[in-house]
């Protein structure tokens, strides 16, 4: 009985060491970062490794973030263009309105991520 328990414990230890120590593959690649404001659109071809869209934006532009408890972080300003009562920064992934925040979205090779200064009244 003791030898069965020892054998089981040894097998469990081997499994934990094998799978517990494995690293998750880092997502690396190239993407296009787009910042669209009224009358201006900037494109940046970027390389990344395991980065969120917000990380990439912050590395390439001067960004101000606002945090809201329970909701996460929101982009307030990009290069001194700030959200206000009429406009906000909308986030798009491959020309589709994002269903999650820029800080939660991990970039994938070939992505086009856009931060669009948008009027709340228009369709974005």
N, C-alpha and C. Protein backbone atom coordinates (compact mmCIF):
# COMPACT_ATOMS: atom_id res chain seq x y z
N UNK A 1 0.83 -1.19 0.00
CA UNK A 1 0.00 0.00 0.00
C UNK A 1 0.87 1.25 0.00
N UNK A 2 1.93 1.25 0.82
CA UNK A 2 2.83 2.39 0.90
C UNK A 2 3.54 2.62 -0.43
N UNK A 3 3.91 1.53 -1.10
CA UNK A 3 4.59 1.67 -2.39
C UNK A 3 3.66 2.24 -3.46
N UNK A 4 2.36 1.94 -3.38
CA UNK A 4 1.40 2.50 -4.33
C UNK A 4 1.23 4.00 -4.11
N UNK A 5 1.20 4.41 -2.86
CA UNK A 5 1.08 5.83 -2.53
C UNK A 5 2.33 6.57 -2.98
N UNK A 6 3.49 5.98 -2.75
CA UNK A 6 4.75 6.60 -3.17
C UNK A 6 4.81 6.72 -4.69
N UNK A 7 4.41 5.67 -5.39
CA UNK A 7 4.40 5.68 -6.85
C UNK A 7 3.43 6.74 -7.38
N UNK A 8 2.26 6.84 -6.76
CA UNK A 8 1.28 7.84 -7.17
C UNK A 8 1.82 9.25 -6.94
N UNK A 9 2.42 9.47 -5.77
CA UNK A 9 2.99 10.78 -5.45
C UNK A 9 4.11 11.14 -6.42
N UNK A 10 4.93 10.18 -6.79
CA UNK A 10 6.02 10.41 -7.74
C UNK A 10 5.46 10.76 -9.12
N UNK A 11 4.43 10.04 -9.56
CA UNK A 11 3.81 10.34 -10.85
C UNK A 11 3.19 11.74 -10.85
N UNK A 12 2.52 12.08 -9.76
CA UNK A 12 1.91 13.40 -9.64
C UNK A 12 2.97 14.49 -9.69
N UNK A 13 4.08 14.28 -9.01
CA UNK A 13 5.19 15.25 -9.01
C UNK A 13 5.75 15.42 -10.42
N UNK A 14 5.93 14.34 -11.14
CA UNK A 14 6.45 14.41 -12.51
C UNK A 14 5.48 15.17 -13.41
N UNK A 15 4.20 14.90 -13.28
CA UNK A 15 3.20 15.60 -14.09
C UNK A 15 3.20 17.09 -13.78
N UNK A 16 3.24 17.44 -12.50
CA UNK A 16 3.25 18.85 -12.12
C UNK A 16 4.49 19.56 -12.63
N UNK A 17 5.64 18.92 -12.52
CA UNK A 17 6.87 19.53 -13.00
C UNK A 17 6.87 19.68 -14.52
N UNK A 18 6.32 18.71 -15.20
CA UNK A 18 6.29 18.76 -16.66
C UNK A 18 5.36 19.85 -17.17
N UNK A 19 4.13 19.89 -16.67
CA UNK A 19 3.16 20.84 -17.18
C UNK A 19 3.16 22.15 -16.42
N UNK A 20 3.49 22.14 -15.17
CA UNK A 20 3.52 23.36 -14.38
C UNK A 20 4.65 24.29 -14.74
N UNK A 21 5.72 23.75 -15.26
CA UNK A 21 6.88 24.57 -15.61
C UNK A 21 6.90 24.97 -17.07
N UNK A 22 5.97 24.47 -17.85
CA UNK A 22 5.98 24.85 -19.26
C UNK A 22 5.55 26.30 -19.40
N UNK A 23 6.15 27.00 -20.35
CA UNK A 23 5.84 28.40 -20.56
C UNK A 23 4.85 28.53 -21.71
N UNK A 24 4.03 29.53 -21.58
CA UNK A 24 3.09 29.82 -22.64
C UNK A 24 3.86 30.50 -23.77
N UNK A 25 3.56 30.12 -24.99
CA UNK A 25 4.25 30.71 -26.13
C UNK A 25 3.92 32.19 -26.21
N UNK A 26 4.95 33.00 -26.50
CA UNK A 26 4.73 34.43 -26.64
C UNK A 26 4.25 34.73 -28.05
N UNK A 27 3.20 35.52 -28.12
CA UNK A 27 2.66 35.91 -29.40
C UNK A 27 3.49 37.07 -29.94
N UNK A 28 4.09 36.88 -31.10
CA UNK A 28 4.93 37.91 -31.70
C UNK A 28 4.49 38.13 -33.13
N UNK A 29 4.73 39.32 -33.62
CA UNK A 29 4.39 39.58 -35.00
C UNK A 29 4.42 41.05 -35.34
N UNK A 30 3.73 41.37 -36.44
CA UNK A 30 3.65 42.74 -36.93
C UNK A 30 2.18 43.13 -37.00
N UNK A 31 1.92 44.40 -36.74
CA UNK A 31 0.56 44.92 -36.80
C UNK A 31 0.61 46.37 -37.27
N UNK A 32 -0.55 46.90 -37.60
CA UNK A 32 -0.66 48.31 -37.96
C UNK A 32 -1.50 48.99 -36.90
N UNK A 33 -0.97 50.08 -36.38
CA UNK A 33 -1.63 50.89 -35.36
C UNK A 33 -2.12 52.16 -36.05
N UNK A 34 -3.41 52.45 -35.93
CA UNK A 34 -4.01 53.61 -36.60
C UNK A 34 -4.64 54.50 -35.54
N UNK A 35 -4.35 55.81 -35.63
CA UNK A 35 -4.99 56.79 -34.76
C UNK A 35 -5.66 57.81 -35.67
N UNK A 36 -7.00 57.86 -35.60
CA UNK A 36 -7.79 58.74 -36.46
C UNK A 36 -8.45 59.83 -35.63
N UNK A 37 -8.14 61.08 -35.98
CA UNK A 37 -8.78 62.22 -35.34
C UNK A 37 -9.50 63.01 -36.42
N UNK A 38 -10.11 64.11 -36.05
CA UNK A 38 -10.81 64.94 -37.01
C UNK A 38 -9.78 65.53 -37.98
N UNK A 39 -9.84 65.11 -39.23
CA UNK A 39 -8.95 65.64 -40.25
C UNK A 39 -7.54 65.06 -40.29
N UNK A 40 -7.26 64.02 -39.51
CA UNK A 40 -5.91 63.46 -39.49
C UNK A 40 -5.96 61.97 -39.17
N UNK A 41 -5.17 61.20 -39.90
CA UNK A 41 -5.03 59.78 -39.60
C UNK A 41 -3.55 59.44 -39.64
N UNK A 42 -3.07 58.81 -38.57
CA UNK A 42 -1.67 58.40 -38.48
C UNK A 42 -1.59 56.87 -38.47
N UNK A 43 -0.64 56.35 -39.24
CA UNK A 43 -0.43 54.91 -39.32
C UNK A 43 0.96 54.59 -38.80
N UNK A 44 1.06 53.56 -37.99
CA UNK A 44 2.36 53.08 -37.52
C UNK A 44 2.41 51.58 -37.72
N UNK A 45 3.40 51.13 -38.49
CA UNK A 45 3.65 49.69 -38.61
C UNK A 45 4.53 49.31 -37.43
N UNK A 46 4.07 48.39 -36.62
CA UNK A 46 4.78 48.04 -35.39
C UNK A 46 5.11 46.56 -35.36
N UNK A 47 6.10 46.24 -34.56
CA UNK A 47 6.38 44.85 -34.22
C UNK A 47 6.08 44.70 -32.74
N UNK A 48 5.67 43.54 -32.34
CA UNK A 48 5.29 43.34 -30.94
C UNK A 48 5.63 41.93 -30.51
N UNK A 49 5.64 41.74 -29.21
CA UNK A 49 5.80 40.42 -28.62
C UNK A 49 4.97 40.39 -27.35
N UNK A 50 3.88 39.65 -27.40
CA UNK A 50 3.00 39.49 -26.23
C UNK A 50 2.58 40.84 -25.65
N UNK A 51 1.97 41.69 -26.48
CA UNK A 51 1.55 43.03 -26.08
C UNK A 51 0.06 43.22 -26.29
N UNK A 52 -0.51 44.04 -25.44
CA UNK A 52 -1.90 44.44 -25.65
C UNK A 52 -1.93 45.62 -26.61
N UNK A 53 -3.10 45.90 -27.15
CA UNK A 53 -3.26 47.06 -28.02
C UNK A 53 -2.96 48.34 -27.26
N UNK A 54 -3.31 48.39 -25.99
CA UNK A 54 -3.02 49.57 -25.17
C UNK A 54 -1.53 49.73 -24.95
N UNK A 55 -0.81 48.63 -24.74
CA UNK A 55 0.66 48.69 -24.61
C UNK A 55 1.27 49.29 -25.87
N UNK A 56 0.84 48.80 -27.03
CA UNK A 56 1.37 49.28 -28.31
C UNK A 56 1.06 50.76 -28.50
N UNK A 57 -0.16 51.16 -28.18
CA UNK A 57 -0.54 52.57 -28.31
C UNK A 57 0.35 53.44 -27.43
N UNK A 58 0.54 53.02 -26.18
CA UNK A 58 1.34 53.79 -25.23
C UNK A 58 2.81 53.90 -25.63
N UNK A 59 3.32 52.89 -26.33
CA UNK A 59 4.71 52.92 -26.79
C UNK A 59 4.91 53.83 -27.99
N UNK A 60 3.85 54.09 -28.73
CA UNK A 60 3.97 54.83 -29.98
C UNK A 60 3.36 56.22 -29.98
N UNK A 61 2.56 56.53 -28.97
CA UNK A 61 1.92 57.83 -28.87
C UNK A 61 1.94 58.28 -27.41
N UNK A 62 1.74 59.57 -27.19
CA UNK A 62 1.61 60.11 -25.84
C UNK A 62 0.16 59.88 -25.41
N UNK A 63 -0.04 59.00 -24.44
CA UNK A 63 -1.38 58.54 -24.07
C UNK A 63 -1.67 58.85 -22.60
N UNK A 64 -2.90 59.31 -22.34
CA UNK A 64 -3.39 59.49 -20.98
C UNK A 64 -4.54 58.50 -20.79
N UNK A 65 -4.48 57.77 -19.69
CA UNK A 65 -5.47 56.73 -19.38
C UNK A 65 -6.26 57.14 -18.14
N UNK A 66 -7.54 56.83 -18.13
CA UNK A 66 -8.38 57.00 -16.94
C UNK A 66 -8.88 55.64 -16.52
N UNK A 67 -8.80 55.36 -15.22
CA UNK A 67 -9.29 54.09 -14.70
C UNK A 67 -10.61 54.28 -13.99
N UNK A 68 -11.50 53.32 -14.18
CA UNK A 68 -12.80 53.34 -13.53
C UNK A 68 -13.02 52.01 -12.83
N UNK A 69 -13.22 52.03 -11.51
CA UNK A 69 -13.40 50.78 -10.76
C UNK A 69 -14.52 49.92 -11.36
N UNK A 70 -14.20 48.67 -11.58
CA UNK A 70 -15.16 47.72 -12.12
C UNK A 70 -15.29 47.75 -13.63
N UNK A 71 -14.77 48.79 -14.27
CA UNK A 71 -14.88 48.91 -15.72
C UNK A 71 -13.54 48.81 -16.43
N UNK A 72 -12.46 49.09 -15.74
CA UNK A 72 -11.14 49.03 -16.36
C UNK A 72 -10.62 50.39 -16.75
N UNK A 73 -9.67 50.38 -17.69
CA UNK A 73 -9.02 51.61 -18.13
C UNK A 73 -9.58 52.06 -19.48
N UNK A 74 -9.66 53.37 -19.62
CA UNK A 74 -10.13 53.96 -20.86
C UNK A 74 -9.11 54.96 -21.36
N UNK A 75 -8.96 55.05 -22.67
CA UNK A 75 -8.06 56.04 -23.26
C UNK A 75 -8.75 57.40 -23.15
N UNK A 76 -8.07 58.32 -22.48
CA UNK A 76 -8.62 59.66 -22.32
C UNK A 76 -8.06 60.60 -23.39
N UNK A 77 -6.73 60.56 -23.59
CA UNK A 77 -6.08 61.45 -24.56
C UNK A 77 -5.03 60.68 -25.35
N UNK A 78 -4.92 61.03 -26.63
CA UNK A 78 -3.83 60.55 -27.47
C UNK A 78 -3.21 61.80 -28.10
N UNK A 79 -1.93 62.01 -27.83
CA UNK A 79 -1.22 63.18 -28.36
C UNK A 79 -2.02 64.47 -28.17
N UNK A 80 -2.48 64.69 -26.94
CA UNK A 80 -3.19 65.91 -26.52
C UNK A 80 -4.59 66.06 -27.12
N UNK A 81 -5.10 65.07 -27.81
CA UNK A 81 -6.49 65.08 -28.27
C UNK A 81 -7.27 64.26 -27.25
N UNK A 82 -8.13 64.95 -26.49
CA UNK A 82 -8.77 64.31 -25.34
C UNK A 82 -10.28 64.12 -25.54
N UNK A 83 -10.78 63.06 -24.93
CA UNK A 83 -12.22 62.84 -24.93
C UNK A 83 -12.89 63.97 -24.15
N UNK A 84 -14.14 64.23 -24.48
CA UNK A 84 -14.90 65.28 -23.80
C UNK A 84 -16.38 64.88 -23.81
N UNK A 85 -17.26 65.84 -23.59
CA UNK A 85 -18.69 65.50 -23.53
C UNK A 85 -19.26 65.08 -24.89
N UNK A 86 -18.56 65.41 -25.99
CA UNK A 86 -19.06 65.06 -27.32
C UNK A 86 -18.28 63.95 -28.00
N UNK A 87 -17.00 63.83 -27.72
CA UNK A 87 -16.13 62.88 -28.42
C UNK A 87 -15.45 61.92 -27.44
N UNK A 88 -15.17 60.73 -27.94
CA UNK A 88 -14.48 59.72 -27.15
C UNK A 88 -13.56 58.93 -28.08
N UNK A 89 -12.67 58.14 -27.50
CA UNK A 89 -11.78 57.29 -28.29
C UNK A 89 -12.40 55.91 -28.42
N UNK A 90 -12.84 55.57 -29.63
CA UNK A 90 -13.41 54.25 -29.92
C UNK A 90 -12.28 53.33 -30.37
N UNK A 91 -12.39 52.05 -30.03
CA UNK A 91 -11.35 51.07 -30.32
C UNK A 91 -11.87 50.04 -31.31
N UNK A 92 -11.12 49.82 -32.39
CA UNK A 92 -11.50 48.88 -33.45
C UNK A 92 -10.38 47.87 -33.67
N UNK A 93 -10.77 46.64 -33.93
CA UNK A 93 -9.83 45.56 -34.26
C UNK A 93 -10.21 45.07 -35.65
N UNK A 94 -9.28 45.21 -36.59
CA UNK A 94 -9.52 44.78 -37.97
C UNK A 94 -10.84 45.33 -38.52
N UNK A 95 -11.03 46.64 -38.28
CA UNK A 95 -12.18 47.40 -38.77
C UNK A 95 -13.52 46.99 -38.16
N UNK A 96 -13.48 46.29 -37.03
CA UNK A 96 -14.69 45.91 -36.30
C UNK A 96 -14.64 46.55 -34.92
N UNK A 97 -15.76 47.09 -34.48
CA UNK A 97 -15.82 47.66 -33.14
C UNK A 97 -15.44 46.58 -32.12
N UNK A 98 -14.51 46.90 -31.25
CA UNK A 98 -13.98 45.92 -30.30
C UNK A 98 -15.01 45.60 -29.22
N UNK A 99 -15.04 44.35 -28.83
CA UNK A 99 -15.96 43.92 -27.77
C UNK A 99 -15.27 43.84 -26.42
N UNK A 100 -13.97 44.21 -26.38
CA UNK A 100 -13.25 44.26 -25.13
C UNK A 100 -12.30 45.44 -25.17
N UNK A 101 -11.76 45.78 -24.02
CA UNK A 101 -10.89 46.94 -23.92
C UNK A 101 -9.53 46.73 -24.55
N UNK A 102 -8.89 47.84 -24.90
CA UNK A 102 -7.57 47.79 -25.54
C UNK A 102 -6.52 47.16 -24.64
N UNK A 103 -6.68 47.27 -23.33
CA UNK A 103 -5.74 46.66 -22.39
C UNK A 103 -5.92 45.16 -22.28
N UNK A 104 -7.06 44.66 -22.69
CA UNK A 104 -7.34 43.22 -22.62
C UNK A 104 -7.07 42.50 -23.93
N UNK A 105 -6.98 43.24 -25.01
CA UNK A 105 -6.79 42.60 -26.32
C UNK A 105 -5.31 42.41 -26.62
N UNK A 106 -4.88 41.15 -26.74
CA UNK A 106 -3.50 40.84 -27.12
C UNK A 106 -3.38 40.85 -28.63
N UNK A 107 -2.42 41.61 -29.12
CA UNK A 107 -2.21 41.73 -30.56
C UNK A 107 -1.89 40.39 -31.20
N UNK A 108 -2.35 40.25 -32.44
CA UNK A 108 -2.05 39.06 -33.24
C UNK A 108 -1.37 39.53 -34.53
N UNK A 109 -0.55 38.68 -35.09
CA UNK A 109 0.16 39.01 -36.32
C UNK A 109 -0.84 39.40 -37.40
N UNK A 110 -0.59 40.54 -38.04
CA UNK A 110 -1.44 41.01 -39.12
C UNK A 110 -2.59 41.91 -38.69
N UNK A 111 -2.78 42.11 -37.39
CA UNK A 111 -3.87 42.96 -36.90
C UNK A 111 -3.73 44.39 -37.39
N UNK A 112 -4.88 45.03 -37.58
CA UNK A 112 -4.96 46.47 -37.75
C UNK A 112 -5.82 46.96 -36.60
N UNK A 113 -5.20 47.68 -35.67
CA UNK A 113 -5.95 48.20 -34.53
C UNK A 113 -6.04 49.71 -34.67
N UNK A 114 -7.25 50.21 -34.46
CA UNK A 114 -7.49 51.63 -34.67
C UNK A 114 -8.13 52.25 -33.43
N UNK A 115 -7.63 53.43 -33.11
CA UNK A 115 -8.23 54.26 -32.08
C UNK A 115 -8.81 55.46 -32.83
N UNK A 116 -10.14 55.55 -32.82
CA UNK A 116 -10.84 56.54 -33.63
C UNK A 116 -11.53 57.55 -32.72
N UNK A 117 -11.19 58.83 -32.90
CA UNK A 117 -11.83 59.90 -32.16
C UNK A 117 -13.23 60.07 -32.73
N UNK A 118 -14.23 59.70 -31.97
CA UNK A 118 -15.57 59.52 -32.50
C UNK A 118 -16.59 60.38 -31.77
N UNK A 119 -17.55 60.90 -32.53
CA UNK A 119 -18.67 61.65 -31.97
C UNK A 119 -19.71 60.64 -31.48
N UNK A 120 -20.22 60.84 -30.29
CA UNK A 120 -21.19 59.91 -29.71
C UNK A 120 -22.47 59.82 -30.53
N UNK A 121 -22.76 60.83 -31.32
CA UNK A 121 -24.01 60.86 -32.07
C UNK A 121 -23.91 60.18 -33.43
N UNK A 122 -22.69 60.00 -33.93
CA UNK A 122 -22.56 59.38 -35.25
C UNK A 122 -22.38 57.88 -35.12
N UNK A 123 -22.66 57.17 -36.19
CA UNK A 123 -22.42 55.74 -36.21
C UNK A 123 -20.94 55.53 -36.48
N UNK A 124 -20.30 54.71 -35.62
CA UNK A 124 -18.86 54.49 -35.79
C UNK A 124 -18.58 53.14 -36.35
